Amino acid sequence: MKKKITLLAVVALFVTTNISAQSSGFGVGLITGNPTGLSLKMWTGETTALDAAVAWNFDADWIGVHADFLLHNFNLISVSKGQLPLYYGLGAKLGLGNDIAIGARVPIGLDYMFDSVPIDIFVEVVPGLMVVPAIDFDIDLGLGARFFF
């Protein structure tokens, strides 16, 4: 009986708490496409966030790590429920495989934030410039979702 009451209390707390937390806090989820793996996002302000991933890059056959600073424009696209900011930013990536690769990223995407659940869904196009081991232009594409705490 105590377990049921505890579970009910936790569920009630979760339901009654303001859970529109996608534009604040810390999110963990998955990204698929190229790269495919774990996606993280931490809001640093009302319109700014840090985004990162640890993921597999199919084109280059490596495990990659990237981190980006993002700016969000919440006023560009109006939706009837939730929010759909356009985001853009600048970041860096590191590839670990047969060789080490280092480059810059310019993420551009859309991030749908639900009103009633602490989840976002995003799609992004990320032009990049690799500088190590050689100068090379690339483009990453991703679709993902995160749960925010």
N, C-alpha and C. Protein backbone atom coordinates (compact mmCIF):
# COMPACT_ATOMS: atom_id res chain seq x y z
N MET A 1 0.82 -1.19 0.00
CA MET A 1 0.00 0.00 0.00
C MET A 1 0.86 1.26 0.00
N LYS A 2 1.97 1.25 0.77
CA LYS A 2 2.85 2.41 0.82
C LYS A 2 3.45 2.70 -0.55
N LYS A 3 3.77 1.63 -1.30
CA LYS A 3 4.35 1.81 -2.64
C LYS A 3 3.34 2.49 -3.57
N LYS A 4 2.07 2.10 -3.47
CA LYS A 4 1.04 2.70 -4.31
C LYS A 4 0.85 4.17 -3.97
N ILE A 5 0.86 4.51 -2.69
CA ILE A 5 0.70 5.91 -2.27
C ILE A 5 1.89 6.74 -2.72
N THR A 6 3.09 6.18 -2.59
CA THR A 6 4.29 6.89 -3.03
C THR A 6 4.26 7.12 -4.53
N LEU A 7 3.91 6.09 -5.29
CA LEU A 7 3.81 6.22 -6.74
C LEU A 7 2.76 7.26 -7.12
N LEU A 8 1.62 7.23 -6.47
CA LEU A 8 0.57 8.21 -6.73
C LEU A 8 1.03 9.62 -6.42
N ALA A 9 1.76 9.80 -5.34
CA ALA A 9 2.28 11.12 -4.97
C ALA A 9 3.28 11.63 -6.01
N VAL A 10 4.15 10.76 -6.49
CA VAL A 10 5.13 11.15 -7.51
C VAL A 10 4.42 11.54 -8.81
N VAL A 11 3.45 10.74 -9.23
CA VAL A 11 2.70 11.05 -10.45
C VAL A 11 1.94 12.37 -10.28
N ALA A 12 1.31 12.59 -9.14
CA ALA A 12 0.58 13.84 -8.89
C ALA A 12 1.52 15.03 -8.92
N LEU A 13 2.69 14.89 -8.34
CA LEU A 13 3.68 15.98 -8.36
C LEU A 13 4.10 16.29 -9.78
N PHE A 14 4.34 15.24 -10.58
CA PHE A 14 4.76 15.42 -11.97
C PHE A 14 3.67 16.10 -12.78
N VAL A 15 2.43 15.69 -12.60
CA VAL A 15 1.32 16.23 -13.37
C VAL A 15 1.02 17.67 -12.98
N THR A 16 1.14 18.01 -11.71
CA THR A 16 0.79 19.36 -11.26
C THR A 16 1.93 20.36 -11.41
N THR A 17 3.13 19.87 -11.68
CA THR A 17 4.26 20.75 -11.88
C THR A 17 4.19 21.35 -13.27
N ASN A 18 4.60 22.58 -13.43
CA ASN A 18 4.66 23.18 -14.76
C ASN A 18 5.71 22.44 -15.56
N ILE A 19 5.27 21.71 -16.59
CA ILE A 19 6.20 20.87 -17.33
C ILE A 19 6.51 21.42 -18.72
N SER A 20 6.28 22.68 -18.95
CA SER A 20 6.67 23.30 -20.21
C SER A 20 8.12 23.75 -20.10
N ALA A 21 9.01 22.79 -19.93
CA ALA A 21 10.38 23.10 -19.57
C ALA A 21 11.36 22.97 -20.73
N GLN A 22 10.89 22.89 -21.97
CA GLN A 22 11.81 22.71 -23.07
C GLN A 22 12.69 23.93 -23.32
N SER A 23 12.25 25.11 -22.92
CA SER A 23 13.06 26.30 -23.10
C SER A 23 13.83 26.66 -21.83
N SER A 24 14.00 25.68 -20.97
CA SER A 24 14.85 25.84 -19.79
C SER A 24 15.28 24.45 -19.35
N GLY A 25 16.30 24.40 -18.52
CA GLY A 25 16.74 23.12 -18.00
C GLY A 25 17.68 22.36 -18.91
N PHE A 26 17.68 21.06 -18.73
CA PHE A 26 18.62 20.17 -19.40
C PHE A 26 17.85 19.05 -20.10
N GLY A 27 18.15 18.80 -21.37
CA GLY A 27 17.47 17.78 -22.14
C GLY A 27 18.41 16.69 -22.60
N VAL A 28 17.90 15.45 -22.62
CA VAL A 28 18.65 14.28 -23.08
C VAL A 28 17.77 13.53 -24.06
N GLY A 29 18.36 13.10 -25.17
CA GLY A 29 17.58 12.36 -26.16
C GLY A 29 18.45 11.73 -27.21
N LEU A 30 17.85 11.51 -28.36
CA LEU A 30 18.54 10.85 -29.47
C LEU A 30 18.49 11.72 -30.70
N ILE A 31 19.52 11.63 -31.52
CA ILE A 31 19.56 12.24 -32.83
C ILE A 31 19.81 11.13 -33.83
N THR A 32 19.10 11.19 -34.96
CA THR A 32 19.30 10.20 -36.01
C THR A 32 19.56 10.93 -37.32
N GLY A 33 20.22 10.27 -38.21
CA GLY A 33 20.65 10.87 -39.46
C GLY A 33 22.15 10.69 -39.55
N ASN A 34 22.82 11.76 -39.84
CA ASN A 34 24.28 11.72 -39.81
C ASN A 34 24.77 12.96 -39.11
N PRO A 35 25.07 12.85 -37.83
CA PRO A 35 25.38 11.69 -37.01
C PRO A 35 24.14 11.07 -36.35
N THR A 36 24.31 9.88 -35.78
CA THR A 36 23.27 9.17 -35.04
C THR A 36 23.81 8.81 -33.66
N GLY A 37 23.10 9.25 -32.61
CA GLY A 37 23.57 8.95 -31.26
C GLY A 37 22.82 9.71 -30.18
N LEU A 38 23.52 10.04 -29.12
CA LEU A 38 22.98 10.72 -27.95
C LEU A 38 23.04 12.23 -28.14
N SER A 39 21.91 12.92 -27.88
CA SER A 39 21.82 14.37 -28.02
C SER A 39 21.57 15.00 -26.65
N LEU A 40 22.24 16.10 -26.37
CA LEU A 40 22.10 16.83 -25.10
C LEU A 40 21.87 18.31 -25.39
N LYS A 41 21.08 18.96 -24.53
CA LYS A 41 20.88 20.40 -24.68
C LYS A 41 20.69 21.02 -23.31
N MET A 42 21.37 22.13 -23.08
CA MET A 42 21.24 22.86 -21.83
C MET A 42 20.97 24.32 -22.14
N TRP A 43 19.85 24.81 -21.63
CA TRP A 43 19.51 26.21 -21.84
C TRP A 43 20.37 27.08 -20.93
N THR A 44 20.92 28.16 -21.49
CA THR A 44 21.76 29.08 -20.73
C THR A 44 21.09 30.44 -20.55
N GLY A 45 19.98 30.65 -21.24
CA GLY A 45 19.22 31.90 -21.17
C GLY A 45 17.88 31.69 -21.83
N GLU A 46 17.11 32.78 -22.00
CA GLU A 46 15.79 32.67 -22.61
C GLU A 46 15.86 32.26 -24.08
N THR A 47 16.92 32.65 -24.78
CA THR A 47 17.04 32.34 -26.20
C THR A 47 18.35 31.66 -26.55
N THR A 48 19.17 31.32 -25.56
CA THR A 48 20.47 30.72 -25.82
C THR A 48 20.58 29.35 -25.17
N ALA A 49 21.35 28.49 -25.82
CA ALA A 49 21.53 27.14 -25.29
C ALA A 49 22.86 26.56 -25.78
N LEU A 50 23.32 25.56 -25.06
CA LEU A 50 24.45 24.75 -25.48
C LEU A 50 23.89 23.40 -25.90
N ASP A 51 24.35 22.92 -27.04
CA ASP A 51 23.89 21.67 -27.62
C ASP A 51 25.12 20.79 -27.82
N ALA A 52 24.98 19.50 -27.58
CA ALA A 52 26.11 18.58 -27.77
C ALA A 52 25.58 17.21 -28.18
N ALA A 53 26.46 16.42 -28.74
CA ALA A 53 26.11 15.04 -29.09
C ALA A 53 27.35 14.18 -29.07
N VAL A 54 27.13 12.92 -28.76
CA VAL A 54 28.14 11.86 -28.93
C VAL A 54 27.46 10.89 -29.87
N ALA A 55 28.02 10.74 -31.07
CA ALA A 55 27.28 10.03 -32.10
C ALA A 55 28.20 9.39 -33.14
N TRP A 56 27.61 8.45 -33.88
CA TRP A 56 28.32 7.78 -34.96
C TRP A 56 28.12 8.56 -36.24
N ASN A 57 29.21 8.84 -36.97
CA ASN A 57 29.16 9.51 -38.27
C ASN A 57 29.35 8.45 -39.35
N PHE A 58 28.30 8.18 -40.12
CA PHE A 58 28.35 7.12 -41.12
C PHE A 58 29.24 7.46 -42.32
N ASP A 59 29.26 8.75 -42.71
CA ASP A 59 30.09 9.15 -43.86
C ASP A 59 31.57 8.96 -43.59
N ALA A 60 32.01 9.33 -42.41
CA ALA A 60 33.44 9.29 -42.10
C ALA A 60 33.85 8.05 -41.32
N ASP A 61 32.86 7.24 -40.88
CA ASP A 61 33.13 6.01 -40.12
C ASP A 61 33.91 6.31 -38.85
N TRP A 62 33.36 7.21 -38.04
CA TRP A 62 33.99 7.56 -36.77
C TRP A 62 32.94 7.84 -35.70
N ILE A 63 33.39 7.82 -34.48
CA ILE A 63 32.59 8.32 -33.36
C ILE A 63 32.91 9.80 -33.24
N GLY A 64 31.87 10.60 -33.20
CA GLY A 64 32.09 12.04 -33.15
C GLY A 64 31.49 12.66 -31.91
N VAL A 65 32.07 13.76 -31.52
CA VAL A 65 31.59 14.58 -30.42
C VAL A 65 31.48 15.99 -30.97
N HIS A 66 30.33 16.61 -30.76
CA HIS A 66 30.22 18.01 -31.16
C HIS A 66 29.57 18.82 -30.05
N ALA A 67 29.84 20.11 -30.05
CA ALA A 67 29.25 21.05 -29.10
C ALA A 67 28.99 22.36 -29.84
N ASP A 68 27.82 22.94 -29.62
CA ASP A 68 27.41 24.16 -30.31
C ASP A 68 26.84 25.17 -29.33
N PHE A 69 27.03 26.45 -29.63
CA PHE A 69 26.32 27.52 -28.95
C PHE A 69 25.19 27.93 -29.88
N LEU A 70 23.93 27.93 -29.38
CA LEU A 70 22.77 28.19 -30.22
C LEU A 70 22.00 29.43 -29.78
N LEU A 71 21.48 30.15 -30.76
CA LEU A 71 20.56 31.27 -30.55
C LEU A 71 19.22 30.85 -31.14
N HIS A 72 18.12 31.14 -30.43
CA HIS A 72 16.78 30.74 -30.85
C HIS A 72 15.92 31.97 -31.14
N ASN A 73 15.23 31.96 -32.30
CA ASN A 73 14.30 33.02 -32.64
C ASN A 73 12.89 32.46 -32.49
N PHE A 74 12.20 32.83 -31.41
CA PHE A 74 10.87 32.32 -31.10
C PHE A 74 9.77 33.09 -31.84
N ASN A 75 10.08 34.22 -32.47
CA ASN A 75 9.06 35.07 -33.09
C ASN A 75 8.90 34.85 -34.58
N LEU A 76 9.75 34.08 -35.20
CA LEU A 76 9.74 33.94 -36.65
C LEU A 76 8.57 33.07 -37.14
N ILE A 77 8.30 31.96 -36.47
CA ILE A 77 7.25 31.03 -36.89
C ILE A 77 6.22 30.91 -35.76
N SER A 78 4.96 31.18 -36.08
CA SER A 78 3.89 31.10 -35.09
C SER A 78 3.14 29.78 -35.28
N VAL A 79 2.91 29.06 -34.18
CA VAL A 79 2.14 27.82 -34.22
C VAL A 79 1.00 27.94 -33.20
N SER A 80 -0.09 27.18 -33.41
CA SER A 80 -1.25 27.29 -32.52
C SER A 80 -0.99 26.69 -31.15
N LYS A 81 -0.18 25.67 -31.08
CA LYS A 81 0.17 25.06 -29.79
C LYS A 81 1.67 24.86 -29.75
N GLY A 82 2.24 25.03 -28.56
CA GLY A 82 3.69 24.87 -28.42
C GLY A 82 4.44 26.05 -28.99
N GLN A 83 5.72 25.81 -29.27
CA GLN A 83 6.59 26.83 -29.85
C GLN A 83 7.45 26.17 -30.92
N LEU A 84 7.84 26.94 -31.94
CA LEU A 84 8.67 26.43 -33.01
C LEU A 84 9.74 27.45 -33.37
N PRO A 85 10.77 27.56 -32.53
CA PRO A 85 11.83 28.51 -32.85
C PRO A 85 12.76 27.99 -33.94
N LEU A 86 13.24 28.93 -34.74
CA LEU A 86 14.36 28.67 -35.64
C LEU A 86 15.61 28.86 -34.79
N TYR A 87 16.58 27.97 -34.91
CA TYR A 87 17.82 28.17 -34.18
C TYR A 87 19.01 28.11 -35.13
N TYR A 88 20.07 28.76 -34.72
CA TYR A 88 21.31 28.80 -35.49
C TYR A 88 22.44 29.02 -34.50
N GLY A 89 23.63 28.68 -34.93
CA GLY A 89 24.75 28.85 -34.00
C GLY A 89 26.08 28.51 -34.62
N LEU A 90 27.03 28.28 -33.74
CA LEU A 90 28.39 27.98 -34.13
C LEU A 90 28.94 26.95 -33.14
N GLY A 91 29.69 26.00 -33.67
CA GLY A 91 30.22 24.97 -32.79
C GLY A 91 31.47 24.32 -33.36
N ALA A 92 31.88 23.26 -32.68
CA ALA A 92 33.06 22.51 -33.07
C ALA A 92 32.76 21.03 -33.00
N LYS A 93 33.52 20.24 -33.78
CA LYS A 93 33.35 18.79 -33.71
C LYS A 93 34.69 18.10 -33.75
N LEU A 94 34.70 16.93 -33.14
CA LEU A 94 35.88 16.09 -33.05
C LEU A 94 35.48 14.70 -33.49
N GLY A 95 36.22 14.15 -34.44
CA GLY A 95 35.95 12.80 -34.91
C GLY A 95 37.07 11.87 -34.50
N LEU A 96 36.69 10.70 -33.96
CA LEU A 96 37.68 9.72 -33.52
C LEU A 96 37.45 8.43 -34.28
N GLY A 97 38.40 8.07 -35.11
CA GLY A 97 38.33 6.84 -35.91
C GLY A 97 39.74 6.42 -36.25
N ASN A 98 39.97 6.07 -37.52
CA ASN A 98 41.33 5.75 -37.96
C ASN A 98 42.24 6.96 -37.82
N ASP A 99 41.68 8.13 -38.07
CA ASP A 99 42.39 9.39 -37.88
C ASP A 99 41.60 10.25 -36.90
N ILE A 100 42.21 11.31 -36.44
CA ILE A 100 41.50 12.30 -35.64
C ILE A 100 41.09 13.42 -36.57
N ALA A 101 39.84 13.86 -36.47
CA ALA A 101 39.34 14.94 -37.29
C ALA A 101 38.82 16.06 -36.39
N ILE A 102 39.09 17.29 -36.80
CA ILE A 102 38.64 18.46 -36.04
C ILE A 102 38.05 19.44 -37.03
N GLY A 103 36.90 20.02 -36.66
CA GLY A 103 36.28 20.97 -37.57
C GLY A 103 35.31 21.90 -36.87
N ALA A 104 34.75 22.81 -37.67
CA ALA A 104 33.77 23.79 -37.19
C ALA A 104 32.40 23.43 -37.76
N ARG A 105 31.34 23.80 -37.04
CA ARG A 105 29.96 23.53 -37.44
C ARG A 105 29.13 24.81 -37.39
N VAL A 106 28.13 24.89 -38.27
CA VAL A 106 27.19 26.01 -38.25
C VAL A 106 25.77 25.41 -38.29
N PRO A 107 25.22 25.03 -37.14
CA PRO A 107 23.90 24.40 -37.12
C PRO A 107 22.78 25.41 -37.39
N ILE A 108 21.81 24.95 -38.19
CA ILE A 108 20.59 25.72 -38.48
C ILE A 108 19.44 24.72 -38.38
N GLY A 109 18.43 25.04 -37.57
CA GLY A 109 17.35 24.06 -37.42
C GLY A 109 16.07 24.65 -36.89
N LEU A 110 15.08 23.75 -36.78
CA LEU A 110 13.79 24.05 -36.17
C LEU A 110 13.60 23.13 -34.98
N ASP A 111 13.04 23.66 -33.90
CA ASP A 111 12.90 22.91 -32.66
C ASP A 111 11.47 23.06 -32.15
N TYR A 112 10.62 22.03 -32.37
CA TYR A 112 9.24 22.11 -31.88
C TYR A 112 9.21 21.75 -30.41
N MET A 113 8.63 22.63 -29.60
CA MET A 113 8.53 22.44 -28.16
C MET A 113 7.06 22.31 -27.78
N PHE A 114 6.69 21.17 -27.25
CA PHE A 114 5.30 20.91 -26.87
C PHE A 114 4.92 21.75 -25.66
N ASP A 115 3.62 22.09 -25.55
CA ASP A 115 3.10 22.82 -24.39
C ASP A 115 2.94 21.92 -23.18
N SER A 116 2.48 20.70 -23.38
CA SER A 116 2.01 19.88 -22.27
C SER A 116 3.00 18.83 -21.78
N VAL A 117 4.07 18.60 -22.50
CA VAL A 117 5.06 17.60 -22.07
C VAL A 117 6.46 18.18 -22.23
N PRO A 118 7.41 17.79 -21.39
CA PRO A 118 8.77 18.36 -21.46
C PRO A 118 9.62 17.67 -22.53
N ILE A 119 9.13 17.69 -23.77
CA ILE A 119 9.81 17.03 -24.89
C ILE A 119 9.92 18.02 -26.03
N ASP A 120 11.05 17.98 -26.75
CA ASP A 120 11.16 18.73 -27.99
C ASP A 120 11.53 17.78 -29.12
N ILE A 121 11.19 18.18 -30.33
CA ILE A 121 11.56 17.46 -31.54
C ILE A 121 12.27 18.46 -32.44
N PHE A 122 13.41 18.08 -32.98
CA PHE A 122 14.17 19.03 -33.79
C PHE A 122 14.65 18.40 -35.09
N VAL A 123 14.87 19.28 -36.06
CA VAL A 123 15.48 18.90 -37.33
C VAL A 123 16.52 19.95 -37.64
N GLU A 124 17.68 19.52 -38.13
CA GLU A 124 18.74 20.49 -38.38
C GLU A 124 19.58 20.11 -39.60
N VAL A 125 20.13 21.15 -40.21
CA VAL A 125 21.11 21.04 -41.29
C VAL A 125 22.35 21.73 -40.76
N VAL A 126 23.51 21.06 -40.89
CA VAL A 126 24.72 21.60 -40.27
C VAL A 126 25.88 21.60 -41.27
N PRO A 127 26.07 22.72 -41.98
CA PRO A 127 27.29 22.82 -42.79
C PRO A 127 28.51 22.87 -41.89
N GLY A 128 29.59 22.30 -42.36
CA GLY A 128 30.80 22.28 -41.54
C GLY A 128 32.05 22.37 -42.37
N LEU A 129 33.13 22.72 -41.71
CA LEU A 129 34.44 22.79 -42.35
C LEU A 129 35.43 22.02 -41.49
N MET A 130 35.91 20.91 -42.01
CA MET A 130 36.93 20.14 -41.31
C MET A 130 38.29 20.81 -41.58
N VAL A 131 39.13 20.89 -40.56
CA VAL A 131 40.46 21.51 -40.73
C VAL A 131 41.58 20.52 -40.47
N VAL A 132 41.29 19.42 -39.77
CA VAL A 132 42.27 18.36 -39.50
C VAL A 132 41.58 17.04 -39.83
N PRO A 133 42.15 16.13 -40.56
CA PRO A 133 43.50 16.07 -41.09
C PRO A 133 43.70 16.86 -42.38
N ALA A 134 42.58 17.32 -43.00
CA ALA A 134 42.68 18.11 -44.23
C ALA A 134 41.48 19.06 -44.28
N ILE A 135 41.61 20.10 -45.08
CA ILE A 135 40.52 21.03 -45.27
C ILE A 135 39.44 20.35 -46.12
N ASP A 136 38.21 20.29 -45.59
CA ASP A 136 37.14 19.61 -46.32
C ASP A 136 35.80 20.16 -45.83
N PHE A 137 34.89 20.42 -46.76
CA PHE A 137 33.55 20.88 -46.44
C PHE A 137 32.65 19.67 -46.27
N ASP A 138 31.73 19.71 -45.28
CA ASP A 138 30.76 18.63 -45.12
C ASP A 138 29.44 19.18 -44.63
N ILE A 139 28.40 18.35 -44.73
CA ILE A 139 27.07 18.72 -44.24
C ILE A 139 26.51 17.55 -43.45
N ASP A 140 26.06 17.85 -42.22
CA ASP A 140 25.38 16.87 -41.39
C ASP A 140 23.89 17.19 -41.41
N LEU A 141 23.06 16.16 -41.34
CA LEU A 141 21.62 16.30 -41.26
C LEU A 141 21.13 15.49 -40.07
N GLY A 142 20.24 16.04 -39.28
CA GLY A 142 19.77 15.31 -38.11
C GLY A 142 18.31 15.56 -37.79
N LEU A 143 17.69 14.54 -37.22
CA LEU A 143 16.34 14.60 -36.69
C LEU A 143 16.40 13.97 -35.32
N GLY A 144 15.81 14.64 -34.33
CA GLY A 144 15.93 14.10 -32.98
C GLY A 144 14.84 14.55 -32.04
N ALA A 145 14.92 14.02 -30.83
CA ALA A 145 13.98 14.36 -29.76
C ALA A 145 14.70 14.28 -28.44
N ARG A 146 14.29 15.14 -27.50
CA ARG A 146 14.90 15.16 -26.16
C ARG A 146 13.82 15.29 -25.10
N PHE A 147 14.09 14.74 -23.94
CA PHE A 147 13.25 14.89 -22.75
C PHE A 147 13.97 15.86 -21.82
N PHE A 148 13.25 16.85 -21.30
CA PHE A 148 13.86 17.88 -20.45
C PHE A 148 13.53 17.66 -18.98
N PHE A 149 14.55 17.87 -18.16
CA PHE A 149 14.43 17.71 -16.70
C PHE A 149 14.40 19.07 -16.04
